[in-house]
Amino acid sequence: MRRFFIDNNIARAKTISTEFYSDPVFFEESKGKIFNKAWQFIGDKNTVKEPGQCHPFTLLEKYLDEPLVLTRDKENTINCLSNVCTHRGTIVVNGPCKISKLRCRYHGRNFSLDGKFMSMPEFAEVENFPSPDDDLKVLPLFEWGNLLFTSLSKAFPYNVFFDDMVNRLSWLPLHEFVYRGDLSREYTVNAHWALYCENYLEGLHIPFVHASLNAIIDFGNYSTELYRYSSLQLGIAKQDEYSFELPLSSPDFGKKVAAYYFWVFPNMMFNFYPWGLSINHIQPVSINKSRVSFITYVWKEDKLNTGAGSGLDRVEREDEEVVEAVQRGIRSQFYKQGRYSVTREQGTHHFHQLLAEFIQ
C-alpha cells in the first residue's frame, strides 16, 4: 500500500499530504527512492573539450554529495566516473586538469581515463587481484547536443525521461547553443525543493503573480501536456509578442509559440525561448531550503531580453516570494491537503502522482 495516495482522477484528487514536505524521514528517503534513480544535468561537453581533460564535480552537493568526474579519453569518448579510489576511498581528481591517466595521490593507484584499473604499487602478493571491483564505477551518460546528464543507478534508461522533449524539439539545432556564465544565476530559496517544482508546473498563478509575463503570454491558450516522467507547458504569445520561427518539421508549426516549458522528473526545468535555453536545476539543501541554478545557453543573441524569455530574474523573485510563503503555510495545523484546478494544475497533479509512486 502506498504511503501517499493521489487519485488518478484530478477532479476527485487531493494534493499530496504536507507530511512529504515537513517530515525529515521523507526528505531523507527521497535520496535513494527518487534522486538516485532519476537523471540529473551535469554540465556540457565543453568542460572536457580535448582528450585527457578531466572535470571533477559533486552531484547534488549538500544532498546526495556524490563525487564524480567527467573525462575525455584518448578515443575522444566522454566518460562519467566515480571520483572515489577503489583502494581506500579517497578522492582521485581534485581539480580540472589534463592528464594521460588518473592517479590516486594517496597510494599511487592508477586508472585509465575510462575508469579501468591499471596498476597499484606493493600489491603483487594480493590474491584474486585485480578484479572488476578495482575499476572506477562507470555511470550512464546521456548526451543531448552539448548537454550532459547522468544517473547514479541504471533503474531507468535515459529515453523514458527525455525522449518526449527531444522528439518535440528535434528541429532545434541544440549544438549551436552556447553556455553563458555571465547570464547564469544561482538562487537560494527558503523552501522544500518539491514546493518550488510544483509552483513551476502550473500556470494558474501566472495572472496573479507574474504581471509582466501575463502581458506577453496568451493565458487563454496556455496548455499542459503530460508524459510518463515529464511534462510540457506550451506558452503561446499574444499577437505582437516575440515567438519562435518554427520550421515545417515542427509539430507546432503554425502556432505562435513564445516558450516551451519542459519539466523532467524530479527537479529539472528546460525553458526554451526564441533566444535560447534557460535550464533551472533545483537542488535540495535541507528540508526547507533549496538551491536553484539558472543555467543560460544563448542561441540567437539578437533576441535576448525579448518576449517570454525576458526578465527572468524578476519572474524568479516573484516565484520565490510565493513559494517561501507556501513553505511557511504548510507548517500550519489547519492545512493538510488542497484540491486541484482540473484545467490548470494537471502538471502539479502529475508531479504528486510520481512522488507517491516513487516514495512508496
Protein backbone atom coordinates (compact mmCIF):
# COMPACT_ATOMS: atom_id res chain seq x y z
CA MET A 1 0.00 0.00 0.00
CA ARG A 2 1.35 3.42 -0.93
CA ARG A 3 2.16 5.85 1.84
CA PHE A 4 0.67 8.71 -0.19
CA PHE A 5 -2.44 8.39 -2.33
CA ILE A 6 -3.17 10.71 -5.22
CA ASP A 7 -6.39 9.88 -7.04
CA ASN A 8 -5.83 9.43 -10.79
CA ASN A 9 -8.94 11.50 -11.41
CA ILE A 10 -7.83 15.09 -10.94
CA ALA A 11 -11.42 16.19 -10.35
CA ARG A 12 -11.55 13.97 -7.26
CA ALA A 13 -7.92 14.17 -6.17
CA LYS A 14 -6.41 15.94 -3.19
CA THR A 15 -2.87 17.29 -3.18
CA ILE A 16 -0.08 15.34 -1.53
CA SER A 17 -0.05 15.48 2.27
CA THR A 18 2.09 18.18 3.87
CA GLU A 19 3.97 15.33 5.59
CA PHE A 20 6.00 14.96 2.40
CA TYR A 21 7.43 18.46 2.85
CA SER A 22 7.68 18.54 6.63
CA ASP A 23 8.77 15.05 7.76
CA PRO A 24 12.58 14.59 7.67
CA VAL A 25 12.03 10.87 7.01
CA PHE A 26 10.64 11.57 3.54
CA PHE A 27 13.35 14.13 2.78
CA GLU A 28 15.98 11.51 3.57
CA GLU A 29 14.17 8.66 1.80
CA SER A 30 13.89 10.78 -1.34
CA LYS A 31 17.67 10.46 -1.83
CA GLY A 32 17.52 6.75 -2.58
CA LYS A 33 13.96 6.39 -3.82
CA ILE A 34 13.82 9.42 -6.11
CA PHE A 35 17.14 11.14 -6.80
CA ASN A 36 19.37 8.04 -7.01
CA LYS A 37 17.08 6.62 -9.70
CA ALA A 38 16.46 9.76 -11.75
CA TRP A 39 18.70 11.59 -14.20
CA GLN A 40 20.49 14.85 -13.46
CA PHE A 41 22.03 17.62 -15.56
CA ILE A 42 25.83 17.68 -15.06
CA GLY A 43 27.06 20.34 -17.48
CA ASP A 44 28.19 20.22 -21.08
CA LYS A 45 30.87 18.79 -23.32
CA ASN A 46 32.94 21.96 -23.25
CA THR A 47 34.13 21.16 -19.72
CA VAL A 48 36.19 18.35 -21.29
CA LYS A 49 36.88 19.63 -24.81
CA GLU A 50 40.06 17.67 -25.53
CA PRO A 51 41.34 14.13 -24.87
CA GLY A 52 42.97 13.99 -21.45
CA GLN A 53 40.81 16.67 -19.87
CA CYS A 54 39.13 15.84 -16.55
CA HIS A 55 36.47 17.78 -14.68
CA PRO A 56 35.58 16.71 -11.11
CA PHE A 57 32.22 17.74 -9.61
CA THR A 58 29.82 16.81 -6.83
CA LEU A 59 26.36 15.62 -7.80
CA LEU A 60 23.70 17.49 -5.80
CA GLU A 61 26.14 18.97 -3.30
CA LYS A 62 24.83 19.06 0.30
CA TYR A 63 22.22 16.42 -0.55
CA LEU A 64 23.48 13.36 -2.44
CA ASP A 65 27.05 14.71 -2.20
CA GLU A 66 28.33 12.14 -4.70
CA PRO A 67 31.88 12.82 -6.01
CA LEU A 68 32.05 12.25 -9.78
CA VAL A 69 34.42 13.15 -12.59
CA LEU A 70 33.99 13.72 -16.31
CA THR A 71 36.87 12.58 -18.52
CA ARG A 72 37.56 12.59 -22.24
CA ASP A 73 39.76 9.61 -23.11
CA LYS A 74 42.18 9.12 -25.99
CA GLU A 75 39.39 7.67 -28.13
CA ASN A 76 37.61 11.03 -27.69
CA THR A 77 34.86 9.41 -25.64
CA ILE A 78 33.38 11.29 -22.69
CA ASN A 79 33.06 9.21 -19.52
CA CYS A 80 31.29 9.89 -16.24
CA LEU A 81 33.07 8.05 -13.43
CA SER A 82 33.03 7.75 -9.69
CA ASN A 83 35.76 10.02 -8.35
CA VAL A 84 36.47 7.76 -5.36
CA CYS A 85 39.52 5.48 -5.35
CA THR A 86 38.66 1.79 -5.09
CA HIS A 87 41.55 1.18 -2.67
CA ARG A 88 40.83 3.31 0.39
CA GLY A 89 38.14 5.68 -0.79
CA THR A 90 39.93 9.00 -1.23
CA ILE A 91 39.09 11.50 -3.98
CA VAL A 92 41.08 10.79 -7.15
CA VAL A 93 40.81 14.02 -9.17
CA ASN A 94 40.89 17.20 -7.09
CA GLY A 95 40.56 19.85 -9.78
CA PRO A 96 40.18 20.35 -13.53
CA CYS A 97 43.26 19.02 -15.31
CA LYS A 98 44.66 17.48 -18.48
CA ILE A 99 46.39 14.14 -17.88
CA SER A 100 47.08 10.79 -19.56
CA LYS A 101 45.80 8.66 -16.67
CA LEU A 102 44.09 9.03 -13.31
CA ARG A 103 46.46 8.59 -10.37
CA CYS A 104 45.38 8.48 -6.74
CA ARG A 105 47.71 10.74 -4.76
CA TYR A 106 47.22 8.70 -1.58
CA HIS A 107 48.82 5.35 -2.53
CA GLY A 108 49.52 5.69 -6.25
CA ARG A 109 46.73 3.54 -7.71
CA ASN A 110 46.39 4.24 -11.45
CA PHE A 111 43.30 4.16 -13.68
CA SER A 112 42.83 4.82 -17.37
CA LEU A 113 40.58 7.70 -18.37
CA ASP A 114 37.69 5.29 -18.93
CA GLY A 115 37.98 4.13 -15.30
CA LYS A 116 39.79 0.82 -15.83
CA PHE A 117 42.29 -0.22 -13.15
CA MET A 118 45.86 -0.07 -14.47
CA SER A 119 48.35 -0.62 -11.65
CA MET A 120 48.98 -0.41 -7.91
CA PRO A 121 52.33 -0.44 -6.07
CA GLU A 122 53.02 -3.06 -3.38
CA PHE A 123 50.09 -5.29 -4.40
CA ALA A 124 51.95 -8.15 -6.09
CA GLU A 125 51.07 -10.58 -3.27
CA VAL A 126 47.35 -9.80 -3.16
CA GLU A 127 45.23 -12.75 -4.28
CA ASN A 128 42.48 -12.50 -6.91
CA PHE A 129 43.64 -9.04 -7.81
CA PRO A 130 42.72 -7.01 -9.73
CA SER A 131 39.03 -7.68 -10.21
CA PRO A 132 36.23 -5.59 -11.77
CA ASP A 133 35.68 -4.12 -8.30
CA ASP A 134 39.01 -2.34 -8.66
CA ASP A 135 37.80 -0.32 -11.65
CA LEU A 136 36.19 3.05 -11.06
CA LYS A 137 32.42 2.86 -11.31
CA VAL A 138 31.21 3.98 -14.74
CA LEU A 139 27.93 5.87 -14.69
CA PRO A 140 25.47 6.01 -17.59
CA LEU A 141 25.76 9.15 -19.69
CA PHE A 142 23.19 10.82 -21.93
CA GLU A 143 24.35 13.44 -24.42
CA TRP A 144 21.83 15.84 -25.99
CA GLY A 145 23.59 18.33 -28.19
CA ASN A 146 26.36 19.56 -25.89
CA LEU A 147 24.32 18.88 -22.74
CA LEU A 148 25.30 16.01 -20.44
CA PHE A 149 23.20 14.02 -17.98
CA THR A 150 23.85 11.07 -15.69
CA SER A 151 22.11 8.81 -13.19
CA LEU A 152 23.55 7.10 -10.11
CA SER A 153 21.72 3.88 -10.99
CA LYS A 154 20.52 2.01 -14.05
CA ALA A 155 16.95 1.87 -12.78
CA PHE A 156 15.66 3.85 -15.76
CA PRO A 157 17.14 4.33 -19.24
CA TYR A 158 17.52 7.97 -20.23
CA ASN A 159 14.96 7.77 -23.03
CA VAL A 160 11.96 7.34 -20.73
CA PHE A 161 12.80 10.70 -19.14
CA PHE A 162 13.98 12.68 -22.18
CA ASP A 163 12.55 11.27 -25.42
CA ASP A 164 9.34 13.30 -25.38
CA MET A 165 11.27 16.56 -25.07
CA VAL A 166 13.97 15.55 -27.55
CA ASN A 167 11.44 14.43 -30.16
CA ARG A 168 9.28 17.53 -29.79
CA LEU A 169 12.30 19.78 -30.35
CA SER A 170 14.19 17.61 -32.85
CA TRP A 171 14.24 20.58 -35.28
CA LEU A 172 16.19 22.74 -32.83
CA PRO A 173 19.98 22.96 -33.50
CA LEU A 174 21.00 22.43 -29.89
CA HIS A 175 24.68 22.15 -30.80
CA GLU A 176 24.56 25.87 -31.68
CA PHE A 177 23.55 26.85 -28.12
CA VAL A 178 26.44 28.48 -26.26
CA TYR A 179 26.80 28.48 -22.47
CA ARG A 180 26.86 31.95 -20.96
CA GLY A 181 28.19 32.08 -17.42
CA ASP A 182 27.68 35.84 -17.32
CA LEU A 183 23.94 35.35 -17.80
CA SER A 184 23.58 32.38 -15.46
CA ARG A 185 22.41 32.83 -11.88
CA GLU A 186 22.08 30.90 -8.63
CA TYR A 187 19.40 31.49 -6.01
CA THR A 188 18.78 30.22 -2.50
CA VAL A 189 15.08 29.59 -1.88
CA ASN A 190 13.88 29.00 1.66
CA ALA A 191 11.50 26.23 0.73
CA HIS A 192 11.34 22.47 0.16
CA TRP A 193 12.51 21.51 -3.34
CA ALA A 194 9.16 19.95 -4.27
CA LEU A 195 7.25 23.14 -3.45
CA TYR A 196 9.40 25.00 -5.96
CA CYS A 197 8.78 22.33 -8.61
CA GLU A 198 5.02 22.22 -8.17
CA ASN A 199 4.81 26.01 -8.49
CA TYR A 200 6.63 25.75 -11.83
CA LEU A 201 4.25 23.03 -13.00
CA GLU A 202 1.08 25.09 -13.11
CA GLY A 203 0.15 28.22 -14.99
CA LEU A 204 -2.77 29.07 -12.72
CA HIS A 205 -0.68 31.57 -10.75
CA ILE A 206 0.64 33.50 -13.77
CA PRO A 207 -2.10 36.19 -13.90
CA PHE A 208 -1.82 36.72 -10.14
CA VAL A 209 1.96 36.61 -9.61
CA HIS A 210 3.66 37.46 -12.93
CA ALA A 211 2.12 40.61 -14.39
CA SER A 212 4.91 41.13 -16.93
CA LEU A 213 4.79 37.53 -18.18
CA ASN A 214 0.99 37.61 -18.30
CA ALA A 215 1.23 40.63 -20.61
CA ILE A 216 3.20 38.51 -23.11
CA ILE A 217 1.61 35.05 -22.79
CA ASP A 218 -1.89 34.32 -24.10
CA PHE A 219 -3.20 32.75 -20.90
CA GLY A 220 -6.37 31.50 -22.61
CA ASN A 221 -4.28 29.32 -24.94
CA TYR A 222 -1.74 28.20 -22.32
CA SER A 223 -1.73 24.38 -22.23
CA THR A 224 -0.12 21.44 -20.42
CA GLU A 225 0.84 18.09 -21.93
CA LEU A 226 1.72 15.14 -19.69
CA TYR A 227 4.21 12.36 -20.42
CA ARG A 228 5.41 9.46 -18.26
CA TYR A 229 8.24 11.26 -16.43
CA SER A 230 8.00 14.74 -17.87
CA SER A 231 5.54 17.39 -18.96
CA LEU A 232 5.31 20.39 -21.25
CA GLN A 233 3.66 23.73 -20.69
CA LEU A 234 3.25 25.43 -24.04
CA GLY A 235 3.26 29.21 -23.84
CA ILE A 236 1.52 30.92 -26.76
CA ALA A 237 2.47 34.54 -27.45
CA LYS A 238 -0.02 37.36 -27.74
CA GLN A 239 -0.38 38.84 -31.21
CA ASP A 240 2.52 41.32 -31.26
CA GLU A 241 4.96 39.45 -29.00
CA TYR A 242 8.09 37.51 -29.99
CA SER A 243 7.69 33.84 -30.87
CA PHE A 244 9.66 31.01 -32.47
CA GLU A 245 10.08 30.87 -36.23
CA LEU A 246 9.03 27.24 -36.43
CA PRO A 247 10.02 25.08 -39.40
CA LEU A 248 7.57 22.86 -41.25
CA SER A 249 9.09 19.86 -39.47
CA SER A 250 7.94 21.12 -36.06
CA PRO A 251 4.71 19.54 -34.77
CA ASP A 252 3.81 23.05 -33.56
CA PHE A 253 4.18 24.70 -36.96
CA GLY A 254 1.52 27.36 -37.34
CA LYS A 255 1.38 28.15 -33.63
CA LYS A 256 2.77 31.37 -32.17
CA VAL A 257 4.94 29.67 -29.55
CA ALA A 258 6.56 32.08 -27.08
CA ALA A 259 8.13 29.40 -24.88
CA TYR A 260 8.42 25.67 -24.36
CA TYR A 261 8.46 24.96 -20.62
CA PHE A 262 9.61 21.36 -20.23
CA TRP A 263 9.91 19.71 -16.83
CA VAL A 264 11.75 16.40 -16.29
CA PHE A 265 11.15 14.47 -13.08
CA PRO A 266 12.06 15.19 -10.41
CA ASN A 267 13.87 18.55 -10.45
CA MET A 268 14.86 19.85 -13.88
CA MET A 269 13.19 22.54 -16.00
CA PHE A 270 14.15 23.33 -19.59
CA ASN A 271 12.81 26.69 -20.72
CA PHE A 272 13.25 27.20 -24.47
CA TYR A 273 12.82 30.72 -25.84
CA PRO A 274 13.48 32.19 -29.30
CA TRP A 275 16.87 33.38 -27.96
CA GLY A 276 17.95 30.05 -26.42
CA LEU A 277 17.59 27.97 -23.27
CA SER A 278 17.42 28.53 -19.52
CA ILE A 279 17.88 25.32 -17.54
CA ASN A 280 16.53 25.51 -14.00
CA HIS A 281 18.18 22.87 -11.81
CA ILE A 282 16.50 22.56 -8.41
CA GLN A 283 18.85 21.11 -5.79
CA PRO A 284 17.71 20.16 -2.27
CA VAL A 285 19.87 21.57 0.51
CA SER A 286 17.70 20.91 3.57
CA ILE A 287 14.06 20.15 4.25
CA ASN A 288 13.26 23.86 4.00
CA LYS A 289 15.98 25.18 1.69
CA SER A 290 16.82 24.68 -1.98
CA ARG A 291 19.46 25.93 -4.38
CA VAL A 292 18.08 26.96 -7.77
CA SER A 293 20.54 27.27 -10.66
CA PHE A 294 19.52 29.20 -13.78
CA ILE A 295 21.93 27.94 -16.44
CA THR A 296 21.84 30.01 -19.65
CA TYR A 297 22.58 28.90 -23.22
CA VAL A 298 22.23 31.51 -25.95
CA TRP A 299 21.21 30.61 -29.48
CA LYS A 300 20.26 33.96 -31.01
CA GLU A 301 21.93 36.89 -29.29
CA ASP A 302 19.76 39.47 -31.04
CA LYS A 303 16.63 38.07 -29.39
CA LEU A 304 17.93 38.28 -25.80
CA ASN A 305 15.69 40.20 -23.39
CA THR A 306 12.65 39.83 -25.62
CA GLY A 307 9.30 38.09 -25.21
CA ALA A 308 8.60 35.43 -22.58
CA GLY A 309 12.33 34.91 -22.06
CA SER A 310 12.95 38.43 -20.78
CA GLY A 311 13.02 39.50 -17.13
CA LEU A 312 13.79 36.00 -15.85
CA ASP A 313 15.35 37.34 -12.65
CA ARG A 314 12.20 39.29 -11.86
CA VAL A 315 9.99 36.26 -12.52
CA GLU A 316 12.24 34.15 -10.28
CA ARG A 317 11.98 36.65 -7.40
CA GLU A 318 8.20 36.63 -7.76
CA ASP A 319 8.18 32.83 -7.63
CA GLU A 320 10.49 32.79 -4.62
CA GLU A 321 8.17 35.06 -2.68
CA VAL A 322 5.10 32.87 -3.17
CA VAL A 323 6.93 29.56 -2.71
CA GLU A 324 8.51 30.75 0.54
CA ALA A 325 5.04 31.82 1.72
CA VAL A 326 3.79 28.29 1.00
CA GLN A 327 6.72 26.88 2.98
CA ARG A 328 5.55 28.90 5.97
CA GLY A 329 1.93 27.96 5.40
CA ILE A 330 2.36 24.20 5.24
CA ARG A 331 3.51 24.22 8.86
CA SER A 332 0.03 25.35 9.92
CA GLN A 333 -2.04 22.90 11.93
CA PHE A 334 -5.03 23.95 9.81
CA TYR A 335 -3.69 22.86 6.41
CA LYS A 336 -3.02 19.28 5.31
CA GLN A 337 -4.19 18.98 1.70
CA GLY A 338 -5.89 21.00 -1.02
CA ARG A 339 -7.59 20.37 -4.37
CA TYR A 340 -6.53 20.86 -7.99
CA SER A 341 -7.82 23.03 -10.80
CA VAL A 342 -8.84 20.49 -13.44
CA THR A 343 -7.93 22.85 -16.27
CA ARG A 344 -4.76 24.48 -14.92
CA GLU A 345 -2.99 22.19 -12.42
CA GLN A 346 -2.57 18.97 -14.39
CA GLY A 347 1.22 19.27 -14.12
CA THR A 348 1.21 19.55 -10.34
CA HIS A 349 -1.23 16.63 -10.06
CA HIS A 350 1.06 14.55 -12.29
CA PHE A 351 4.10 15.50 -10.16
CA HIS A 352 2.34 14.46 -6.95
CA GLN A 353 1.39 11.13 -8.52
CA LEU A 354 5.05 10.47 -9.34
CA LEU A 355 6.16 11.43 -5.82
CA ALA A 356 3.62 8.99 -4.38
CA GLU A 357 4.79 6.30 -6.79
CA PHE A 358 8.49 6.66 -6.01
CA ILE A 359 8.29 7.19 -2.25
CA GLN A 360 6.07 4.17 -1.54
